[in-house]
Amino acid sequence: MPILTDFLWLFLGLILLYVGGEWLVRGSREISLKVGISPLVVGLTVVAFGTSAPELLVSLQANLQDPPKGDMALGNVVGSNICNIALILGVGAMIRPMAVHAQVLKREVPFLLIISVIFACLLLDGSIAQLEGVVLFVGVVAYTIISLRQARKDGEISALEPATEDSDQGPATKRAGGMFLDIGFVVLGIGALVYGADRLILGGSSIAGRFGVPEATIALTIVAFGTSLPELATSIVAAIRRQGDLIIGNAVGSCVFNILCVVGLTAAISPLARTHDLRNLDLWVMLGLTAILLPLLWSRRSLSRKEGGALLAAYACYVCYLAMR
């Protein structure tokens, strides 16, 4: 029953990534709220980094295998960014239309578009060298520091109160031993993510080999969706709690972290190379969705249910294309 074992490993990996991502996001978000930064900045930095941890671990483990699985590492990032924009924002808007913060329009989305173009250009020669990876990783460090400093400078602490009061656990500051509990969630989440990423790579690679499916296609679909489960879970919960800033910040911030941190750190450790299985069309889909995001959010400074439905339809079409090819 080798094939059944592969599917069980794949399923176990997805479950562990989901649970680990949830624990990591819960703990890191609560710690950040106690420090005092807004939901938008929490989404752009701490939650985005937490929910991007599965992508980072999957890409690192894939590229460090012998032989390196560059297509799976890169396909995971490209597929996750497509999933973040089309699926995560689409689901969030369908549940509840979201108002868009001016900072997202003026800085975050344009920045995401710029680094997405740079990422695509770096892949024109078929690989991302170690030096290029180091430059990308330095970029995510600078981005995080600037975002956190700007949040403190703008004095956005007051925006936190509705988010903490709406929580079913009550205000974070009133929980006994809350900080230790949050740190425990972070540690357990990282452990679950590490093991889950390993099982996902094992099952996904074996299934791809048995059915003759290119690893890039597995990475663009099953692995990308699996590693985006924390973002999806965060989006649904935030939409129900009317925290639109957290949804948009999480989606955009995760895309930024995927390119700068996941690709950057992975390539800095070992050069990333792709084959013809990860096609230029996949990169164009990622770039196209990123470019469309700005006018969508700019119109009426919100993301409506109709626009969310259009994003979901675009994601469904892309998945159908991958299934046919």
C-alpha atoms as a PDB file:
ATOM      1  CA  MET A   1       0.000   0.000   0.000  1.00  0.00           C
ATOM      2  CA  PRO A   2       2.792   2.510  -0.820  1.00  0.00           C
ATOM      3  CA  ILE A   3       0.450   4.922  -2.618  1.00  0.00           C
ATOM      4  CA  LEU A   4      -1.911   5.032   0.367  1.00  0.00           C
ATOM      5  CA  THR A   5       1.049   5.784   2.638  1.00  0.00           C
ATOM      6  CA  ASP A   6       2.060   8.690   0.413  1.00  0.00           C
ATOM      7  CA  PHE A   7      -1.442  10.183   0.589  1.00  0.00           C
ATOM      8  CA  LEU A   8      -1.482   9.684   4.364  1.00  0.00           C
ATOM      9  CA  TRP A   9       1.824  11.561   4.673  1.00  0.00           C
ATOM     10  CA  LEU A  10       0.446  14.303   2.461  1.00  0.00           C
ATOM     11  CA  PHE A  11      -2.725  14.563   4.533  1.00  0.00           C
ATOM     12  CA  LEU A  12      -0.773  14.503   7.817  1.00  0.00           C
ATOM     13  CA  GLY A  13       1.518  17.238   6.499  1.00  0.00           C
ATOM     14  CA  LEU A  14      -1.432  19.458   5.585  1.00  0.00           C
ATOM     15  CA  ILE A  15      -3.046  18.947   8.994  1.00  0.00           C
ATOM     16  CA  LEU A  16       0.177  19.712  10.867  1.00  0.00           C
ATOM     17  CA  LEU A  17       0.790  22.819   8.753  1.00  0.00           C
ATOM     18  CA  TYR A  18      -2.718  24.042   9.487  1.00  0.00           C
ATOM     19  CA  VAL A  19      -2.513  23.375  13.234  1.00  0.00           C
ATOM     20  CA  GLY A  20       1.055  24.642  13.504  1.00  0.00           C
ATOM     21  CA  GLY A  21       0.219  27.783  11.566  1.00  0.00           C
ATOM     22  CA  GLU A  22      -2.792  28.423  13.773  1.00  0.00           C
ATOM     23  CA  TRP A  23      -0.746  28.071  16.965  1.00  0.00           C
ATOM     24  CA  LEU A  24       2.077  30.215  15.627  1.00  0.00           C
ATOM     25  CA  VAL A  25      -0.277  32.947  14.426  1.00  0.00           C
ATOM     26  CA  ARG A  26      -2.275  32.905  17.652  1.00  0.00           C
ATOM     27  CA  GLY A  27       0.765  33.179  19.884  1.00  0.00           C
ATOM     28  CA  SER A  28       2.695  35.703  17.798  1.00  0.00           C
ATOM     29  CA  ARG A  29      -0.361  37.881  17.204  1.00  0.00           C
ATOM     30  CA  GLU A  30      -1.231  38.038  20.916  1.00  0.00           C
ATOM     31  CA  ILE A  31       2.352  38.912  21.831  1.00  0.00           C
ATOM     32  CA  SER A  32       2.350  41.707  19.223  1.00  0.00           C
ATOM     33  CA  LEU A  33      -0.941  43.096  20.443  1.00  0.00           C
ATOM     34  CA  LYS A  34       0.450  43.327  23.963  1.00  0.00           C
ATOM     35  CA  VAL A  35       3.451  45.235  22.630  1.00  0.00           C
ATOM     36  CA  GLY A  36       1.060  47.687  20.978  1.00  0.00           C
ATOM     37  CA  ILE A  37       0.817  47.841  17.169  1.00  0.00           C
ATOM     38  CA  SER A  38      -2.227  48.109  14.890  1.00  0.00           C
ATOM     39  CA  PRO A  39      -4.102  45.159  13.295  1.00  0.00           C
ATOM     40  CA  LEU A  40      -2.898  46.242   9.825  1.00  0.00           C
ATOM     41  CA  VAL A  41       0.756  46.257  10.870  1.00  0.00           C
ATOM     42  CA  VAL A  42       0.275  43.011  12.811  1.00  0.00           C
ATOM     43  CA  GLY A  43      -1.075  41.464   9.617  1.00  0.00           C
ATOM     44  CA  LEU A  44       1.726  42.896   7.467  1.00  0.00           C
ATOM     45  CA  THR A  45       4.501  41.710   9.769  1.00  0.00           C
ATOM     46  CA  VAL A  46       3.946  39.238  12.604  1.00  0.00           C
ATOM     47  CA  VAL A  47       0.919  37.344  11.247  1.00  0.00           C
ATOM     48  CA  ALA A  48       2.315  37.450   7.690  1.00  0.00           C
ATOM     49  CA  PHE A  49       5.608  35.997   8.886  1.00  0.00           C
ATOM     50  CA  GLY A  50       3.829  33.374  10.985  1.00  0.00           C
ATOM     51  CA  THR A  51       1.541  32.242   8.170  1.00  0.00           C
ATOM     52  CA  SER A  52       4.486  32.265   5.721  1.00  0.00           C
ATOM     53  CA  ALA A  53       6.474  29.894   7.940  1.00  0.00           C
ATOM     54  CA  PRO A  54       5.049  26.798   6.176  1.00  0.00           C
ATOM     55  CA  GLU A  55       6.167  28.168   2.783  1.00  0.00           C
ATOM     56  CA  LEU A  56       9.618  28.881   4.208  1.00  0.00           C
ATOM     57  CA  LEU A  57      10.049  25.422   5.716  1.00  0.00           C
ATOM     58  CA  VAL A  58       8.698  23.605   2.657  1.00  0.00           C
ATOM     59  CA  SER A  59      10.917  25.580   0.264  1.00  0.00           C
ATOM     60  CA  LEU A  60      14.014  25.171   2.445  1.00  0.00           C
ATOM     61  CA  GLN A  61      13.555  21.428   2.831  1.00  0.00           C
ATOM     62  CA  ALA A  62      12.770  20.981  -0.862  1.00  0.00           C
ATOM     63  CA  ASN A  63      15.881  22.890  -2.004  1.00  0.00           C
ATOM     64  CA  LEU A  64      18.178  21.162   0.488  1.00  0.00           C
ATOM     65  CA  GLN A  65      17.274  17.656  -0.682  1.00  0.00           C
ATOM     66  CA  ASP A  66      19.608  15.647  -2.908  1.00  0.00           C
ATOM     67  CA  PRO A  67      19.008  16.398  -5.722  1.00  0.00           C
ATOM     68  CA  PRO A  68      17.547  19.856  -4.941  1.00  0.00           C
ATOM     69  CA  LYS A  69      13.852  20.254  -5.788  1.00  0.00           C
ATOM     70  CA  GLY A  70      13.998  23.857  -7.011  1.00  0.00           C
ATOM     71  CA  ASP A  71      10.720  23.604  -8.919  1.00  0.00           C
ATOM     72  CA  MET A  72       8.858  22.634  -5.770  1.00  0.00           C
ATOM     73  CA  ALA A  73      10.491  25.424  -3.750  1.00  0.00           C
ATOM     74  CA  LEU A  74       9.772  28.102  -6.367  1.00  0.00           C
ATOM     75  CA  GLY A  75       6.391  26.696  -7.351  1.00  0.00           C
ATOM     76  CA  ASN A  76       5.378  26.779  -3.710  1.00  0.00           C
ATOM     77  CA  VAL A  77       6.086  30.537  -3.548  1.00  0.00           C
ATOM     78  CA  VAL A  78       4.434  31.372  -6.876  1.00  0.00           C
ATOM     79  CA  GLY A  79       1.394  29.220  -6.093  1.00  0.00           C
ATOM     80  CA  SER A  80       1.108  30.615  -2.559  1.00  0.00           C
ATOM     81  CA  ASN A  81       1.130  34.211  -3.802  1.00  0.00           C
ATOM     82  CA  ILE A  82      -1.573  33.379  -6.351  1.00  0.00           C
ATOM     83  CA  CYS A  83      -3.535  31.694  -3.566  1.00  0.00           C
ATOM     84  CA  ASN A  84      -3.063  34.626  -1.179  1.00  0.00           C
ATOM     85  CA  ILE A  85      -4.397  37.191  -3.640  1.00  0.00           C
ATOM     86  CA  ALA A  86      -7.118  35.245  -5.430  1.00  0.00           C
ATOM     87  CA  LEU A  87      -8.316  32.754  -2.801  1.00  0.00           C
ATOM     88  CA  ILE A  88      -7.564  34.385   0.572  1.00  0.00           C
ATOM     89  CA  LEU A  89      -8.789  37.876  -0.336  1.00  0.00           C
ATOM     90  CA  GLY A  90     -11.627  36.401  -2.382  1.00  0.00           C
ATOM     91  CA  VAL A  91     -12.941  34.302   0.504  1.00  0.00           C
ATOM     92  CA  GLY A  92     -12.566  37.191   2.955  1.00  0.00           C
ATOM     93  CA  ALA A  93     -14.478  39.606   0.708  1.00  0.00           C
ATOM     94  CA  MET A  94     -17.231  37.069   0.027  1.00  0.00           C
ATOM     95  CA  ILE A  95     -17.788  36.640   3.779  1.00  0.00           C
ATOM     96  CA  ARG A  96     -17.719  40.384   4.455  1.00  0.00           C
ATOM     97  CA  PRO A  97     -16.725  43.332   2.184  1.00  0.00           C
ATOM     98  CA  MET A  98     -13.535  44.975   3.415  1.00  0.00           C
ATOM     99  CA  ALA A  99     -12.554  48.623   3.717  1.00  0.00           C
ATOM    100  CA  VAL A 100      -9.002  49.324   2.552  1.00  0.00           C
ATOM    101  CA  HIS A 101      -6.495  51.298   4.630  1.00  0.00           C
ATOM    102  CA  ALA A 102      -4.774  54.144   2.753  1.00  0.00           C
ATOM    103  CA  GLN A 103      -1.361  52.710   3.699  1.00  0.00           C
ATOM    104  CA  VAL A 104      -2.131  49.557   1.717  1.00  0.00           C
ATOM    105  CA  LEU A 105      -2.866  51.556  -1.442  1.00  0.00           C
ATOM    106  CA  LYS A 106       0.000  54.011  -1.160  1.00  0.00           C
ATOM    107  CA  ARG A 107       2.805  51.723   0.015  1.00  0.00           C
ATOM    108  CA  GLU A 108       2.155  48.021   0.522  1.00  0.00           C
ATOM    109  CA  VAL A 109       0.569  46.942  -2.788  1.00  0.00           C
ATOM    110  CA  PRO A 110       2.903  49.059  -4.985  1.00  0.00           C
ATOM    111  CA  PHE A 111       5.865  47.620  -3.059  1.00  0.00           C
ATOM    112  CA  LEU A 112       4.532  44.088  -3.577  1.00  0.00           C
ATOM    113  CA  LEU A 113       4.172  44.729  -7.317  1.00  0.00           C
ATOM    114  CA  ILE A 114       7.741  46.037  -7.568  1.00  0.00           C
ATOM    115  CA  ILE A 115       9.336  43.077  -5.787  1.00  0.00           C
ATOM    116  CA  SER A 116       7.141  40.638  -7.775  1.00  0.00           C
ATOM    117  CA  VAL A 117       8.521  42.086 -11.018  1.00  0.00           C
ATOM    118  CA  ILE A 118      12.074  41.887  -9.621  1.00  0.00           C
ATOM    119  CA  PHE A 119      11.480  38.238  -8.631  1.00  0.00           C
ATOM    120  CA  ALA A 120      10.253  37.379 -12.142  1.00  0.00           C
ATOM    121  CA  CYS A 121      13.243  39.151 -13.714  1.00  0.00           C
ATOM    122  CA  LEU A 122      15.675  37.246 -11.493  1.00  0.00           C
ATOM    123  CA  LEU A 123      14.174  33.984 -12.756  1.00  0.00           C
ATOM    124  CA  LEU A 124      14.693  34.885 -16.429  1.00  0.00           C
ATOM    125  CA  ASP A 125      18.058  33.074 -16.412  1.00  0.00           C
ATOM    126  CA  GLY A 126      16.456  30.059 -14.721  1.00  0.00           C
ATOM    127  CA  SER A 127      17.942  30.466 -11.251  1.00  0.00           C
ATOM    128  CA  ILE A 128      18.367  32.729  -8.245  1.00  0.00           C
ATOM    129  CA  ALA A 129      21.960  32.935  -7.061  1.00  0.00           C
ATOM    130  CA  GLN A 130      23.088  33.113  -3.442  1.00  0.00           C
ATOM    131  CA  LEU A 131      24.002  36.800  -3.651  1.00  0.00           C
ATOM    132  CA  GLU A 132      20.569  37.609  -5.072  1.00  0.00           C
ATOM    133  CA  GLY A 133      19.011  35.644  -2.232  1.00  0.00           C
ATOM    134  CA  VAL A 134      21.000  37.604   0.347  1.00  0.00           C
ATOM    135  CA  VAL A 135      19.819  40.901  -1.182  1.00  0.00           C
ATOM    136  CA  LEU A 136      16.180  39.735  -1.049  1.00  0.00           C
ATOM    137  CA  PHE A 137      16.532  38.632   2.562  1.00  0.00           C
ATOM    138  CA  VAL A 138      18.077  41.957   3.578  1.00  0.00           C
ATOM    139  CA  GLY A 139      15.018  43.530   1.946  1.00  0.00           C
ATOM    140  CA  VAL A 140      12.577  41.699   4.230  1.00  0.00           C
ATOM    141  CA  VAL A 141      14.549  42.731   7.322  1.00  0.00           C
ATOM    142  CA  ALA A 142      14.442  46.371   6.223  1.00  0.00           C
ATOM    143  CA  TYR A 143      10.741  46.105   5.332  1.00  0.00           C
ATOM    144  CA  THR A 144       9.850  44.729   8.774  1.00  0.00           C
ATOM    145  CA  ILE A 145      11.857  47.337  10.672  1.00  0.00           C
ATOM    146  CA  ILE A 146      10.395  50.208   8.639  1.00  0.00           C
ATOM    147  CA  SER A 147       6.827  48.910   9.072  1.00  0.00           C
ATOM    148  CA  LEU A 148       7.163  48.558  12.840  1.00  0.00           C
ATOM    149  CA  ARG A 149       8.823  51.948  13.261  1.00  0.00           C
ATOM    150  CA  GLN A 150       6.191  53.621  11.110  1.00  0.00           C
ATOM    151  CA  ALA A 151       3.446  52.007  13.182  1.00  0.00           C
ATOM    152  CA  ARG A 152       4.874  53.432  16.392  1.00  0.00           C
ATOM    153  CA  LYS A 153       5.400  56.844  14.773  1.00  0.00           C
ATOM    154  CA  ASP A 154       1.803  57.008  13.524  1.00  0.00           C
ATOM    155  CA  GLY A 155       0.466  56.250  16.999  1.00  0.00           C
ATOM    156  CA  GLU A 156      -1.919  53.520  15.850  1.00  0.00           C
ATOM    157  CA  ILE A 157      -2.132  51.716  19.205  1.00  0.00           C
ATOM    158  CA  SER A 158      -5.743  52.812  19.730  1.00  0.00           C
ATOM    159  CA  ALA A 159      -6.835  50.744  16.738  1.00  0.00           C
ATOM    160  CA  LEU A 160      -6.044  47.582  18.693  1.00  0.00           C
ATOM    161  CA  GLU A 161      -8.831  47.858  21.239  1.00  0.00           C
ATOM    162  CA  PRO A 162     -11.742  46.521  19.119  1.00  0.00           C
ATOM    163  CA  ALA A 163      -9.658  43.546  17.978  1.00  0.00           C
ATOM    164  CA  THR A 164      -8.781  42.467  21.504  1.00  0.00           C
ATOM    165  CA  GLU A 165     -12.212  43.149  22.974  1.00  0.00           C
ATOM    166  CA  ASP A 166     -13.994  41.159  20.278  1.00  0.00           C
ATOM    167  CA  SER A 167     -11.880  38.120  21.001  1.00  0.00           C
ATOM    168  CA  ASP A 168     -13.689  35.316  22.735  1.00  0.00           C
ATOM    169  CA  GLN A 169     -10.827  35.176  25.221  1.00  0.00           C
ATOM    170  CA  GLY A 170     -11.274  38.767  26.390  1.00  0.00           C
ATOM    171  CA  PRO A 171      -8.574  41.417  26.506  1.00  0.00           C
ATOM    172  CA  ALA A 172      -5.108  39.941  26.229  1.00  0.00           C
ATOM    173  CA  THR A 173      -3.770  41.922  29.130  1.00  0.00           C
ATOM    174  CA  LYS A 174      -6.237  40.318  31.560  1.00  0.00           C
ATOM    175  CA  ARG A 175      -5.309  36.717  30.875  1.00  0.00           C
ATOM    176  CA  ALA A 176      -3.372  35.090  33.697  1.00  0.00           C
ATOM    177  CA  GLY A 177      -0.025  33.848  32.479  1.00  0.00           C
ATOM    178  CA  GLY A 178      -1.010  35.023  29.003  1.00  0.00           C
ATOM    179  CA  MET A 179       2.497  35.815  27.758  1.00  0.00           C
ATOM    180  CA  PHE A 180       3.866  32.382  28.727  1.00  0.00           C
ATOM    181  CA  LEU A 181       0.899  30.707  27.072  1.00  0.00           C
ATOM    182  CA  ASP A 182       1.461  32.717  23.888  1.00  0.00           C
ATOM    183  CA  ILE A 183       5.153  31.781  23.832  1.00  0.00           C
ATOM    184  CA  GLY A 184       4.117  28.135  24.257  1.00  0.00           C
ATOM    185  CA  PHE A 185       1.821  28.391  21.234  1.00  0.00           C
ATOM    186  CA  VAL A 186       4.697  29.836  19.184  1.00  0.00           C
ATOM    187  CA  VAL A 187       7.072  26.995  20.142  1.00  0.00           C
ATOM    188  CA  LEU A 188       4.481  24.258  19.520  1.00  0.00           C
ATOM    189  CA  GLY A 189       3.479  25.897  16.235  1.00  0.00           C
ATOM    190  CA  ILE A 190       7.053  25.928  14.946  1.00  0.00           C
ATOM    191  CA  GLY A 191       7.492  22.266  15.865  1.00  0.00           C
ATOM    192  CA  ALA A 192       4.293  21.247  14.069  1.00  0.00           C
ATOM    193  CA  LEU A 193       5.289  23.310  11.018  1.00  0.00           C
ATOM    194  CA  VAL A 194       8.748  21.720  10.778  1.00  0.00           C
ATOM    195  CA  TYR A 195       7.438  18.151  10.888  1.00  0.00           C
ATOM    196  CA  GLY A 196       4.417  18.960   8.733  1.00  0.00           C
ATOM    197  CA  ALA A 197       6.588  20.506   6.030  1.00  0.00           C
ATOM    198  CA  ASP A 198       8.796  17.411   5.957  1.00  0.00           C
ATOM    199  CA  ARG A 199       5.790  15.061   5.624  1.00  0.00           C
ATOM    200  CA  LEU A 200       4.217  17.255   2.934  1.00  0.00           C
ATOM    201  CA  ILE A 201       7.391  17.207   0.847  1.00  0.00           C
ATOM    202  CA  LEU A 202       7.712  13.425   1.258  1.00  0.00           C
ATOM    203  CA  GLY A 203       4.127  12.678   0.261  1.00  0.00           C
ATOM    204  CA  GLY A 204       3.910  15.278  -2.514  1.00  0.00           C
ATOM    205  CA  SER A 205       7.169  14.218  -4.173  1.00  0.00           C
ATOM    206  CA  SER A 206       6.252  10.518  -4.071  1.00  0.00           C
ATOM    207  CA  ILE A 207       2.808  11.125  -5.549  1.00  0.00           C
ATOM    208  CA  ALA A 208       4.276  13.297  -8.298  1.00  0.00           C
ATOM    209  CA  GLY A 209       6.749  10.558  -9.194  1.00  0.00           C
ATOM    210  CA  ARG A 210       4.138   7.779  -9.216  1.00  0.00           C
ATOM    211  CA  PHE A 211       1.679   9.596 -11.468  1.00  0.00           C
ATOM    212  CA  GLY A 212       4.231  11.383 -13.628  1.00  0.00           C
ATOM    213  CA  VAL A 213       2.996  14.795 -12.473  1.00  0.00           C
ATOM    214  CA  PRO A 214       5.701  17.500 -12.544  1.00  0.00           C
ATOM    215  CA  GLU A 215       6.777  18.594  -9.076  1.00  0.00           C
ATOM    216  CA  ALA A 216       6.135  22.207 -10.092  1.00  0.00           C
ATOM    217  CA  THR A 217       2.452  21.387 -10.675  1.00  0.00           C
ATOM    218  CA  ILE A 218       2.184  19.645  -7.291  1.00  0.00           C
ATOM    219  CA  ALA A 219       3.837  22.675  -5.680  1.00  0.00           C
ATOM    220  CA  LEU A 220       1.550  25.148  -7.487  1.00  0.00           C
ATOM    221  CA  THR A 221      -1.588  23.321  -6.357  1.00  0.00           C
ATOM    222  CA  ILE A 222      -1.546  20.921  -3.392  1.00  0.00           C
ATOM    223  CA  VAL A 223       1.564  22.235  -1.634  1.00  0.00           C
ATOM    224  CA  ALA A 224       0.694  25.912  -2.269  1.00  0.00           C
ATOM    225  CA  PHE A 225      -2.843  25.420  -0.987  1.00  0.00           C
ATOM    226  CA  GLY A 226      -1.623  23.446   2.009  1.00  0.00           C
ATOM    227  CA  THR A 227       0.944  26.049   3.026  1.00  0.00           C
ATOM    228  CA  SER A 228      -1.713  28.777   2.562  1.00  0.00           C
ATOM    229  CA  LEU A 229      -4.140  27.137   4.983  1.00  0.00           C
ATOM    230  CA  PRO A 230      -2.964  29.345   7.888  1.00  0.00           C
ATOM    231  CA  GLU A 231      -3.692  32.458   5.787  1.00  0.00           C
ATOM    232  CA  LEU A 232      -7.095  31.060   4.819  1.00  0.00           C
ATOM    233  CA  ALA A 233      -7.988  30.258   8.413  1.00  0.00           C
ATOM    234  CA  THR A 234      -6.858  33.718   9.524  1.00  0.00           C
ATOM    235  CA  SER A 235      -8.886  35.337   6.728  1.00  0.00           C
ATOM    236  CA  ILE A 236     -12.107  33.531   7.659  1.00  0.00           C
ATOM    237  CA  VAL A 237     -11.793  34.290  11.376  1.00  0.00           C
ATOM    238  CA  ALA A 238     -10.847  37.925  10.728  1.00  0.00           C
ATOM    239  CA  ALA A 239     -13.775  38.393   8.311  1.00  0.00           C
ATOM    240  CA  ILE A 240     -16.229  37.046  10.868  1.00  0.00           C
ATOM    241  CA  ARG A 241     -14.770  39.405  13.495  1.00  0.00           C
ATOM    242  CA  ARG A 242     -14.877  42.388  11.078  1.00  0.00           C
ATOM    243  CA  GLN A 243     -11.095  42.763  11.016  1.00  0.00           C
ATOM    244  CA  GLY A 244     -10.646  43.594   7.330  1.00  0.00           C
ATOM    245  CA  ASP A 245      -7.284  45.294   7.938  1.00  0.00           C
ATOM    246  CA  LEU A 246      -5.897  42.036   9.309  1.00  0.00           C
ATOM    247  CA  ILE A 247      -7.067  40.086   6.220  1.00  0.00           C
ATOM    248  CA  ILE A 248      -5.562  42.494   3.681  1.00  0.00           C
ATOM    249  CA  GLY A 249      -2.413  42.980   5.739  1.00  0.00           C
ATOM    250  CA  ASN A 250      -2.009  39.219   6.127  1.00  0.00           C
ATOM    251  CA  ALA A 251      -2.476  38.498   2.401  1.00  0.00           C
ATOM    252  CA  VAL A 252      -0.250  41.309   1.122  1.00  0.00           C
ATOM    253  CA  GLY A 253       2.337  40.845   3.872  1.00  0.00           C
ATOM    254  CA  SER A 254       2.506  37.083   3.220  1.00  0.00           C
ATOM    255  CA  CYS A 255       3.174  37.700  -0.481  1.00  0.00           C
ATOM    256  CA  VAL A 256       5.972  40.120   0.440  1.00  0.00           C
ATOM    257  CA  PHE A 257       7.477  37.632   2.907  1.00  0.00           C
ATOM    258  CA  ASN A 258       7.201  34.781   0.385  1.00  0.00           C
ATOM    259  CA  ILE A 259       9.338  36.637  -2.140  1.00  0.00           C
ATOM    260  CA  LEU A 260      11.796  38.418   0.134  1.00  0.00           C
ATOM    261  CA  CYS A 261      12.102  35.942   3.007  1.00  0.00           C
ATOM    262  CA  VAL A 262      11.202  32.505   1.610  1.00  0.00           C
ATOM    263  CA  VAL A 263      12.950  32.900  -1.754  1.00  0.00           C
ATOM    264  CA  GLY A 264      15.690  35.097  -0.298  1.00  0.00           C
ATOM    265  CA  LEU A 265      16.663  32.858   2.627  1.00  0.00           C
ATOM    266  CA  THR A 266      16.298  29.644   0.605  1.00  0.00           C
ATOM    267  CA  ALA A 267      18.501  30.961  -2.221  1.00  0.00           C
ATOM    268  CA  ALA A 268      20.997  32.483   0.234  1.00  0.00           C
ATOM    269  CA  ILE A 269      21.566  29.022   1.753  1.00  0.00           C
ATOM    270  CA  SER A 270      21.623  27.182  -1.584  1.00  0.00           C
ATOM    271  CA  PRO A 271      21.038  28.585  -5.114  1.00  0.00           C
ATOM    272  CA  LEU A 272      17.505  28.060  -6.443  1.00  0.00           C
ATOM    273  CA  ALA A 273      17.132  26.638  -9.943  1.00  0.00           C
ATOM    274  CA  ARG A 274      13.996  25.959 -11.958  1.00  0.00           C
ATOM    275  CA  THR A 275      13.292  23.743 -14.965  1.00  0.00           C
ATOM    276  CA  HIS A 276      10.706  24.071 -17.717  1.00  0.00           C
ATOM    277  CA  ASP A 277       8.048  22.576 -15.405  1.00  0.00           C
ATOM    278  CA  LEU A 278       7.584  25.966 -13.709  1.00  0.00           C
ATOM    279  CA  ARG A 279       6.443  27.959 -16.717  1.00  0.00           C
ATOM    280  CA  ASN A 280       6.570  31.650 -17.470  1.00  0.00           C
ATOM    281  CA  LEU A 281       2.761  31.585 -17.605  1.00  0.00           C
ATOM    282  CA  ASP A 282       2.693  30.771 -13.891  1.00  0.00           C
ATOM    283  CA  LEU A 283       4.802  33.855 -13.213  1.00  0.00           C
ATOM    284  CA  TRP A 284       2.544  35.943 -15.463  1.00  0.00           C
ATOM    285  CA  VAL A 285      -0.530  34.793 -13.536  1.00  0.00           C
ATOM    286  CA  MET A 286       1.131  35.842 -10.271  1.00  0.00           C
ATOM    287  CA  LEU A 287       2.169  39.218 -11.730  1.00  0.00           C
ATOM    288  CA  GLY A 288      -1.237  39.769 -13.339  1.00  0.00           C
ATOM    289  CA  LEU A 289      -3.155  39.157 -10.115  1.00  0.00           C
ATOM    290  CA  THR A 290      -0.765  41.432  -8.212  1.00  0.00           C
ATOM    291  CA  ALA A 291      -1.212  44.199 -10.785  1.00  0.00           C
ATOM    292  CA  ILE A 292      -5.018  43.835 -10.775  1.00  0.00           C
ATOM    293  CA  LEU A 293      -5.085  44.058  -6.993  1.00  0.00           C
ATOM    294  CA  LEU A 294      -4.241  47.788  -6.933  1.00  0.00           C
ATOM    295  CA  PRO A 295      -7.185  49.034  -9.068  1.00  0.00           C
ATOM    296  CA  LEU A 296      -9.525  46.582  -7.314  1.00  0.00           C
ATOM    297  CA  LEU A 297      -8.639  47.961  -3.886  1.00  0.00           C
ATOM    298  CA  TRP A 298      -8.517  51.557  -5.146  1.00  0.00           C
ATOM    299  CA  SER A 299     -12.120  51.516  -6.394  1.00  0.00           C
ATOM    300  CA  ARG A 300     -14.249  52.914  -3.571  1.00  0.00           C
ATOM    301  CA  ARG A 301     -11.363  52.071  -1.186  1.00  0.00           C
ATOM    302  CA  SER A 302     -12.909  48.666  -0.534  1.00  0.00           C
ATOM    303  CA  LEU A 303     -13.059  45.072  -1.745  1.00  0.00           C
ATOM    304  CA  SER A 304     -16.668  44.099  -2.446  1.00  0.00           C
ATOM    305  CA  ARG A 305     -18.302  40.670  -2.578  1.00  0.00           C
ATOM    306  CA  LYS A 306     -18.536  40.943  -6.361  1.00  0.00           C
ATOM    307  CA  GLU A 307     -14.806  41.644  -6.640  1.00  0.00           C
ATOM    308  CA  GLY A 308     -14.094  38.813  -4.197  1.00  0.00           C
ATOM    309  CA  GLY A 309     -16.167  36.484  -6.381  1.00  0.00           C
ATOM    310  CA  ALA A 310     -14.147  37.564  -9.437  1.00  0.00           C
ATOM    311  CA  LEU A 311     -10.897  36.732  -7.629  1.00  0.00           C
ATOM    312  CA  LEU A 312     -12.239  33.301  -6.659  1.00  0.00           C
ATOM    313  CA  ALA A 313     -13.325  32.668 -10.257  1.00  0.00           C
ATOM    314  CA  ALA A 314      -9.841  33.585 -11.494  1.00  0.00           C
ATOM    315  CA  TYR A 315      -8.279  31.152  -9.017  1.00  0.00           C
ATOM    316  CA  ALA A 316     -10.669  28.373 -10.084  1.00  0.00           C
ATOM    317  CA  CYS A 317      -9.775  28.946 -13.749  1.00  0.00           C
ATOM    318  CA  TYR A 318      -6.070  28.767 -12.977  1.00  0.00           C
ATOM    319  CA  VAL A 319      -6.435  25.523 -11.015  1.00  0.00           C
ATOM    320  CA  CYS A 320      -8.471  24.020 -13.887  1.00  0.00           C
ATOM    321  CA  TYR A 321      -5.705  25.038 -16.318  1.00  0.00           C
ATOM    322  CA  LEU A 322      -3.093  23.328 -14.133  1.00  0.00           C
ATOM    323  CA  ALA A 323      -5.224  20.173 -13.983  1.00  0.00           C
ATOM    324  CA  MET A 324      -5.502  20.063 -17.781  1.00  0.00           C
ATOM    325  CA  ARG A 325      -1.829  20.697 -18.482  1.00  0.00           C
END
